[in-house]
Amino acid sequence: MASMRMVWPVVALALGAAASSLRAEPFAYVPNEGTGTVSVIDTASDEVVGAIPVGGKPRGIAVSPDGKTLFVSEQKGNRLAIVDLATRKLAGQVDLGESPEGLGMSPDGRWVVAAVEVSNSVQFVDTGRGKPEFSVRTAGKNPEHAVFSPDGRWLFVSAEDADTVDVVDVAARTQVGSVKVGERPRGIAFTPDGRKAYVACELADKVYAVDVASRTVKAIIPAGKRANGIAMAPDGSRVFVSNGGEASVMAIDTGKDEVVGTVPVGQRPWNMAVTPDGAKLYVAAGRSHAVTVVDARRLARLKDVKVGELPWGVTIR
C-alpha cells in the first residue's frame, strides 16, 4: 500500500445562527463522480439545497453518528475527504491507498473504513484523530464495500473478483473467514439484530442471505439484471436491492426471503439509503444524473431529483 499521509487542518466551527441555519434533519448526501461534488437533498422537500465541492471522483460516503462530519472516498486522489457539516466545507483529507471504494462507519463512530481495491485491504481511519490507524489485508480480490455489523464486532467486505464476502474481526484486526456467494458481490446490508446479512451479486443477478453466526448462505433470492446496491429498512422487515441493468429496485421480505415488489427508478441505479423513519428510499441513478425517491412502504416512485453527474450512492443523516 502507498505510504500514509495525513492533512488535518484545525477548523474553527461556526456555532452562530449562520452555521446552525444550515442544519436540518435528515439530509441525503449524494457523491457525484462526474462533477466532484456532494449534493445535499432536504428529505422533507426532496429538493437540492446545496452542493459540497470535494474534487476528483467521489464514491463511498458515510456520516458520523452525531451528524457533524461527512466522509467521502475520492478515487482519483486516493484520499478520504473530511467535511465539516456545520459549514459544509472541506476540513481535512487522509491518504487511503490506490483506488478507494465504499466506506463503512462503525456504530460507535470511532472508525470509518475504506475498501481499497489495488492493495486488497480495508483501511481503518480513527475519526477522532483524523488519521489512519491500521489496515487489514483481505483474501478476496478487489474489495468494493465494507460494512460493519450492528454491534460493531464484524466488518463484512465484498470481494468483486473473488465471489466472496470476507469477514474481519474488528477487535482482533484480522480477517477470520469468508463466505462464498455469487459472481461479483457488491452491496451488503445487515438486519438490525445482526443475525443476517444480504449481499447483492451483480453477475449472478441474485441476492444472498447470509447467516452471520455460522457464516453460511441460508437463501438465494433471484433479483433483476445486475443486482448491485443494498439498503435495509430501519425495522429490518425489508431489504431493497437495485437492479443496474433494469432501472428498477426490488423489495425483499426478510422474514420469508422472497421478493414482494418492484418499482421502476432512474437509469443505472446504484447505491441507496432509507430515511430513519423508513418512509422513503433514495436511489442514486448514475446515468440519469439523478436520485429517484421511492415510497418505501407502497413501492411507488415519488420523484426524480436532479443532482450532479454520475451519482454513486446516498447516505442519510
Protein backbone atom coordinates (compact mmCIF):
# COMPACT_ATOMS: atom_id res chain seq x y z
CA MET A 1 0.00 0.00 0.00
CA ALA A 2 1.12 3.53 -0.66
CA SER A 3 2.60 5.33 2.32
CA MET A 4 0.11 7.13 4.50
CA ARG A 5 0.00 10.88 4.67
CA MET A 6 -2.45 12.92 6.69
CA VAL A 7 -3.50 16.51 6.38
CA TRP A 8 -5.76 17.70 9.20
CA PRO A 9 -6.08 21.48 9.41
CA VAL A 10 -7.67 22.90 12.51
CA VAL A 11 -11.09 24.21 11.63
CA ALA A 12 -12.96 26.65 13.85
CA LEU A 13 -16.59 25.58 13.80
CA ALA A 14 -19.10 28.36 13.35
CA LEU A 15 -21.65 27.98 16.10
CA GLY A 16 -23.71 31.08 15.39
CA ALA A 17 -27.02 31.40 13.66
CA ALA A 18 -25.50 31.41 10.17
CA ALA A 19 -23.96 27.98 10.65
CA SER A 20 -26.85 26.49 12.58
CA SER A 21 -29.24 27.55 9.83
CA LEU A 22 -27.51 25.02 7.58
CA ARG A 23 -28.54 22.17 9.87
CA ALA A 24 -31.81 20.38 9.47
CA GLU A 25 -32.50 16.71 9.60
CA PRO A 26 -32.43 14.49 7.80
CA PHE A 27 -30.41 15.36 4.72
CA ALA A 28 -29.47 12.95 1.93
CA TYR A 29 -25.86 13.29 0.78
CA VAL A 30 -25.03 12.15 -2.76
CA PRO A 31 -21.46 11.84 -4.16
CA ASN A 32 -21.30 12.76 -7.85
CA GLU A 33 -18.41 11.09 -9.67
CA GLY A 34 -18.62 13.30 -12.75
CA THR A 35 -18.71 16.69 -11.04
CA GLY A 36 -16.55 16.14 -7.95
CA THR A 37 -19.32 17.30 -5.62
CA VAL A 38 -21.67 16.01 -2.96
CA SER A 39 -25.26 17.09 -3.50
CA VAL A 40 -27.34 17.82 -0.39
CA ILE A 41 -31.04 16.94 -0.56
CA ASP A 42 -33.55 18.08 2.04
CA THR A 43 -35.62 14.93 2.56
CA ALA A 44 -38.63 16.94 3.72
CA SER A 45 -38.96 18.81 0.42
CA ASP A 46 -36.91 16.49 -1.82
CA GLU A 47 -35.09 19.49 -3.23
CA VAL A 48 -31.35 20.02 -3.62
CA VAL A 49 -30.32 22.63 -1.07
CA GLY A 50 -26.57 22.65 -1.60
CA ALA A 51 -23.51 21.14 -3.24
CA ILE A 52 -20.25 20.48 -1.42
CA PRO A 53 -17.11 20.58 -3.62
CA VAL A 54 -14.70 17.75 -2.79
CA GLY A 55 -12.93 17.42 -6.14
CA GLY A 56 -11.80 14.38 -8.08
CA LYS A 57 -14.09 11.35 -8.26
CA PRO A 58 -16.12 10.93 -5.04
CA ARG A 59 -17.57 7.48 -4.43
CA GLY A 60 -18.03 5.99 -0.95
CA ILE A 61 -19.78 8.16 1.61
CA ALA A 62 -20.55 7.99 5.33
CA VAL A 63 -21.71 10.34 8.09
CA SER A 64 -20.61 10.24 11.72
CA PRO A 65 -23.34 9.11 14.15
CA ASP A 66 -23.52 12.60 15.65
CA GLY A 67 -24.22 14.05 12.21
CA LYS A 68 -21.34 16.52 12.39
CA THR A 69 -18.88 15.07 9.89
CA LEU A 70 -19.14 13.69 6.38
CA PHE A 71 -16.52 11.30 4.98
CA VAL A 72 -16.06 10.75 1.24
CA SER A 73 -13.66 8.40 -0.56
CA GLU A 74 -12.18 10.25 -3.53
CA GLN A 75 -10.86 7.75 -6.05
CA LYS A 76 -8.71 9.93 -8.31
CA GLY A 77 -6.78 11.42 -5.41
CA ASN A 78 -6.71 8.15 -3.42
CA ARG A 79 -7.88 10.04 -0.36
CA LEU A 80 -10.56 10.39 2.25
CA ALA A 81 -12.16 13.84 2.14
CA ILE A 82 -13.47 15.03 5.51
CA VAL A 83 -16.27 17.61 5.50
CA ASP A 84 -17.50 19.69 8.44
CA LEU A 85 -21.28 19.61 8.08
CA ALA A 86 -21.80 22.74 10.18
CA THR A 87 -20.15 24.75 7.42
CA ARG A 88 -20.34 22.23 4.56
CA LYS A 89 -16.68 22.82 3.83
CA LEU A 90 -13.67 20.55 3.48
CA ALA A 91 -11.95 20.19 6.85
CA GLY A 92 -9.19 17.72 6.03
CA GLN A 93 -8.03 14.77 3.99
CA VAL A 94 -6.28 11.46 4.55
CA ASP A 95 -4.37 9.26 2.10
CA LEU A 96 -6.00 5.85 1.73
CA GLY A 97 -4.04 4.00 -0.94
CA GLU A 98 -4.82 3.43 -4.58
CA SER A 99 -8.47 3.28 -5.71
CA PRO A 100 -10.61 3.54 -2.58
CA GLU A 101 -14.24 2.49 -2.96
CA GLY A 102 -17.05 2.05 -0.43
CA LEU A 103 -16.92 3.41 3.12
CA GLY A 104 -18.24 1.90 6.32
CA MET A 105 -18.89 3.75 9.59
CA SER A 106 -18.65 1.86 12.88
CA PRO A 107 -21.80 2.10 15.03
CA ASP A 108 -19.91 3.97 17.77
CA GLY A 109 -18.40 6.40 15.27
CA ARG A 110 -14.81 5.52 16.16
CA TRP A 111 -13.84 4.14 12.76
CA VAL A 112 -14.50 4.99 9.16
CA VAL A 113 -13.26 2.19 6.94
CA ALA A 114 -12.44 2.31 3.23
CA ALA A 115 -12.30 -0.68 0.89
CA VAL A 116 -9.09 -0.15 -1.11
CA GLU A 117 -9.07 -2.05 -4.39
CA VAL A 118 -5.45 -2.20 -5.51
CA SER A 119 -3.99 -3.26 -2.15
CA ASN A 120 -6.84 -5.71 -1.42
CA SER A 121 -7.28 -4.22 2.01
CA VAL A 122 -9.55 -2.23 4.26
CA GLN A 123 -8.10 0.92 5.80
CA PHE A 124 -9.31 1.92 9.27
CA VAL A 125 -9.24 5.67 9.96
CA ASP A 126 -9.59 6.95 13.51
CA THR A 127 -12.31 9.60 13.24
CA GLY A 128 -11.27 11.33 16.45
CA ARG A 129 -7.68 11.86 15.38
CA GLY A 130 -8.34 12.07 11.66
CA LYS A 131 -5.56 9.66 10.71
CA PRO A 132 -5.10 6.08 9.51
CA GLU A 133 -4.80 3.66 12.41
CA PHE A 134 -4.33 0.27 10.74
CA SER A 135 -5.20 -1.74 7.65
CA VAL A 136 -6.31 -5.34 7.20
CA ARG A 137 -5.40 -7.36 4.13
CA THR A 138 -8.35 -9.26 2.72
CA ALA A 139 -8.08 -12.59 0.92
CA GLY A 140 -10.60 -11.66 -1.73
CA LYS A 141 -9.50 -9.57 -4.69
CA ASN A 142 -10.89 -6.12 -5.46
CA PRO A 143 -12.86 -5.13 -2.34
CA GLU A 144 -15.87 -2.93 -3.10
CA HIS A 145 -17.88 -2.35 0.08
CA ALA A 146 -17.00 -2.59 3.77
CA VAL A 147 -19.96 -2.74 6.17
CA PHE A 148 -20.00 -3.09 9.96
CA SER A 149 -22.36 -5.41 11.77
CA PRO A 150 -24.79 -3.53 14.04
CA ASP A 151 -22.78 -4.45 17.16
CA GLY A 152 -19.53 -3.30 15.53
CA ARG A 153 -17.88 -6.69 16.03
CA TRP A 154 -17.60 -7.74 12.39
CA LEU A 155 -16.73 -5.99 9.15
CA PHE A 156 -18.09 -7.67 6.01
CA VAL A 157 -16.17 -6.87 2.82
CA SER A 158 -17.44 -7.74 -0.67
CA ALA A 159 -14.63 -9.01 -2.93
CA GLU A 160 -15.75 -8.38 -6.51
CA ASP A 161 -13.25 -10.65 -8.23
CA ALA A 162 -13.30 -13.50 -5.69
CA ASP A 163 -17.06 -14.04 -5.40
CA THR A 164 -16.73 -13.94 -1.62
CA VAL A 165 -17.56 -11.81 1.37
CA ASP A 166 -14.53 -11.55 3.65
CA VAL A 167 -15.16 -11.35 7.40
CA VAL A 168 -12.90 -9.13 9.54
CA ASP A 169 -12.81 -9.37 13.33
CA VAL A 170 -12.60 -5.67 14.23
CA ALA A 171 -11.14 -6.13 17.73
CA ALA A 172 -8.56 -8.67 16.52
CA ARG A 173 -7.77 -6.55 13.45
CA THR A 174 -7.60 -9.54 11.14
CA GLN A 175 -9.68 -11.49 8.65
CA VAL A 176 -11.20 -14.56 10.30
CA GLY A 177 -13.24 -16.09 7.50
CA SER A 178 -15.07 -15.69 4.22
CA VAL A 179 -18.42 -16.65 2.73
CA LYS A 180 -18.75 -17.90 -0.83
CA VAL A 181 -21.52 -16.09 -2.70
CA GLY A 182 -22.39 -15.39 -6.34
CA GLU A 183 -20.38 -13.71 -9.05
CA ARG A 184 -19.27 -10.13 -8.43
CA PRO A 185 -20.66 -9.32 -4.97
CA ARG A 186 -21.38 -5.64 -4.38
CA GLY A 187 -23.68 -4.10 -1.77
CA ILE A 188 -24.11 -5.52 1.74
CA ALA A 189 -26.67 -4.81 4.47
CA PHE A 190 -27.27 -6.34 7.89
CA THR A 191 -30.60 -6.83 9.58
CA PRO A 192 -30.82 -4.60 12.69
CA ASP A 193 -30.41 -7.59 15.01
CA GLY A 194 -27.19 -8.54 13.21
CA ARG A 195 -28.28 -12.11 12.55
CA LYS A 196 -28.40 -11.93 8.76
CA ALA A 197 -26.55 -10.06 6.05
CA TYR A 198 -27.76 -9.61 2.48
CA VAL A 199 -25.33 -9.44 -0.43
CA ALA A 200 -26.19 -8.32 -3.97
CA CYS A 201 -24.22 -10.22 -6.64
CA GLU A 202 -24.09 -8.31 -9.89
CA LEU A 203 -23.20 -11.00 -12.41
CA ALA A 204 -25.27 -13.68 -10.71
CA ASP A 205 -28.41 -11.49 -10.71
CA LYS A 206 -29.12 -12.76 -7.22
CA VAL A 207 -29.16 -11.70 -3.57
CA TYR A 208 -27.57 -13.99 -1.00
CA ALA A 209 -28.90 -14.12 2.57
CA VAL A 210 -26.03 -15.00 4.93
CA ASP A 211 -26.38 -16.30 8.46
CA VAL A 212 -23.82 -14.24 10.36
CA ALA A 213 -23.17 -16.66 13.23
CA SER A 214 -22.43 -19.66 11.02
CA ARG A 215 -21.14 -17.67 8.01
CA THR A 216 -23.23 -19.76 5.65
CA VAL A 217 -25.66 -18.89 2.88
CA LYS A 218 -29.22 -19.56 4.04
CA ALA A 219 -31.14 -18.34 0.98
CA ILE A 220 -30.50 -17.32 -2.61
CA ILE A 221 -33.08 -14.85 -3.92
CA PRO A 222 -33.47 -14.15 -7.65
CA ALA A 223 -33.06 -10.46 -8.45
CA GLY A 224 -33.09 -8.37 -11.59
CA LYS A 225 -30.29 -7.84 -14.08
CA ARG A 226 -27.02 -6.65 -12.50
CA ALA A 227 -28.15 -6.56 -8.87
CA ASN A 228 -25.95 -4.04 -7.15
CA GLY A 229 -26.92 -1.78 -4.26
CA ILE A 230 -28.45 -2.91 -0.97
CA ALA A 231 -30.33 -0.92 1.67
CA MET A 232 -32.07 -2.20 4.80
CA ALA A 233 -35.33 -0.81 6.19
CA PRO A 234 -34.76 0.51 9.73
CA ASP A 235 -37.16 -2.05 11.21
CA GLY A 236 -35.49 -4.89 9.30
CA SER A 237 -38.70 -6.06 7.65
CA ARG A 238 -37.49 -5.37 4.12
CA VAL A 239 -34.22 -5.12 2.27
CA PHE A 240 -34.02 -3.27 -1.03
CA VAL A 241 -31.82 -4.22 -3.99
CA SER A 242 -31.10 -2.06 -7.04
CA ASN A 243 -31.02 -3.74 -10.46
CA GLY A 244 -28.49 -1.76 -12.51
CA GLY A 245 -29.40 -3.34 -15.84
CA GLU A 246 -33.15 -2.93 -15.48
CA ALA A 247 -33.58 0.51 -13.89
CA SER A 248 -35.55 -0.96 -11.00
CA VAL A 249 -35.47 -1.63 -7.27
CA MET A 250 -36.85 -4.78 -5.64
CA ALA A 251 -38.08 -5.18 -2.08
CA ILE A 252 -37.36 -8.46 -0.29
CA ASP A 253 -39.31 -9.63 2.76
CA THR A 254 -36.55 -10.57 5.22
CA GLY A 255 -38.81 -12.96 7.12
CA LYS A 256 -39.57 -15.08 4.05
CA ASP A 257 -36.55 -14.10 1.90
CA GLU A 258 -38.89 -13.51 -1.01
CA VAL A 259 -39.33 -10.58 -3.41
CA VAL A 260 -42.54 -8.72 -2.58
CA GLY A 261 -42.45 -5.93 -5.15
CA THR A 262 -40.55 -3.96 -7.77
CA VAL A 263 -40.53 -0.27 -8.60
CA PRO A 264 -39.00 1.49 -11.66
CA VAL A 265 -36.29 4.07 -10.95
CA GLY A 266 -33.73 6.06 -12.94
CA GLN A 267 -31.11 4.57 -15.25
CA ARG A 268 -28.20 2.60 -13.77
CA PRO A 269 -29.42 2.53 -10.17
CA TRP A 270 -26.53 2.02 -7.81
CA ASN A 271 -26.25 2.54 -4.06
CA MET A 272 -29.17 3.61 -1.87
CA ALA A 273 -30.29 4.72 1.58
CA VAL A 274 -33.54 4.71 3.58
CA THR A 275 -34.74 7.58 5.77
CA PRO A 276 -34.59 6.89 9.53
CA ASP A 277 -38.40 6.64 9.74
CA GLY A 278 -38.41 4.02 6.97
CA ALA A 279 -40.76 6.08 4.80
CA LYS A 280 -38.60 6.85 1.78
CA LEU A 281 -35.82 5.20 -0.20
CA TYR A 282 -33.27 7.31 -2.09
CA VAL A 283 -31.65 5.64 -5.10
CA ALA A 284 -28.58 7.01 -6.92
CA ALA A 285 -29.36 6.67 -10.64
CA GLY A 286 -25.97 7.23 -12.25
CA ARG A 287 -26.88 7.52 -15.90
CA SER A 288 -29.91 9.68 -15.17
CA HIS A 289 -27.75 12.07 -13.13
CA ALA A 290 -30.50 11.96 -10.55
CA VAL A 291 -31.71 10.41 -7.33
CA THR A 292 -35.03 8.60 -7.52
CA VAL A 293 -37.16 8.98 -4.40
CA VAL A 294 -39.34 5.95 -3.64
CA ASP A 295 -42.16 5.47 -1.16
CA ALA A 296 -40.54 2.56 0.68
CA ARG A 297 -43.80 1.19 2.05
CA ARG A 298 -46.01 1.38 -1.04
CA LEU A 299 -43.12 0.84 -3.50
CA ALA A 300 -44.15 3.86 -5.55
CA ARG A 301 -41.86 6.21 -7.42
CA LEU A 302 -42.33 9.69 -5.99
CA LYS A 303 -39.82 11.95 -7.67
CA ASP A 304 -36.52 12.19 -9.56
CA VAL A 305 -34.20 14.78 -8.07
CA LYS A 306 -31.53 16.09 -10.41
CA VAL A 307 -28.08 16.12 -8.82
CA GLY A 308 -24.55 16.20 -10.28
CA GLU A 309 -23.17 13.89 -12.95
CA LEU A 310 -22.94 10.15 -12.23
CA PRO A 311 -24.18 9.91 -8.65
CA TRP A 312 -22.64 6.83 -6.98
CA GLY A 313 -24.55 6.46 -3.74
CA VAL A 314 -26.54 8.04 -0.92
CA THR A 315 -26.23 8.37 2.82
CA ILE A 316 -28.84 9.97 5.06
CA ARG A 317 -28.42 11.71 8.39
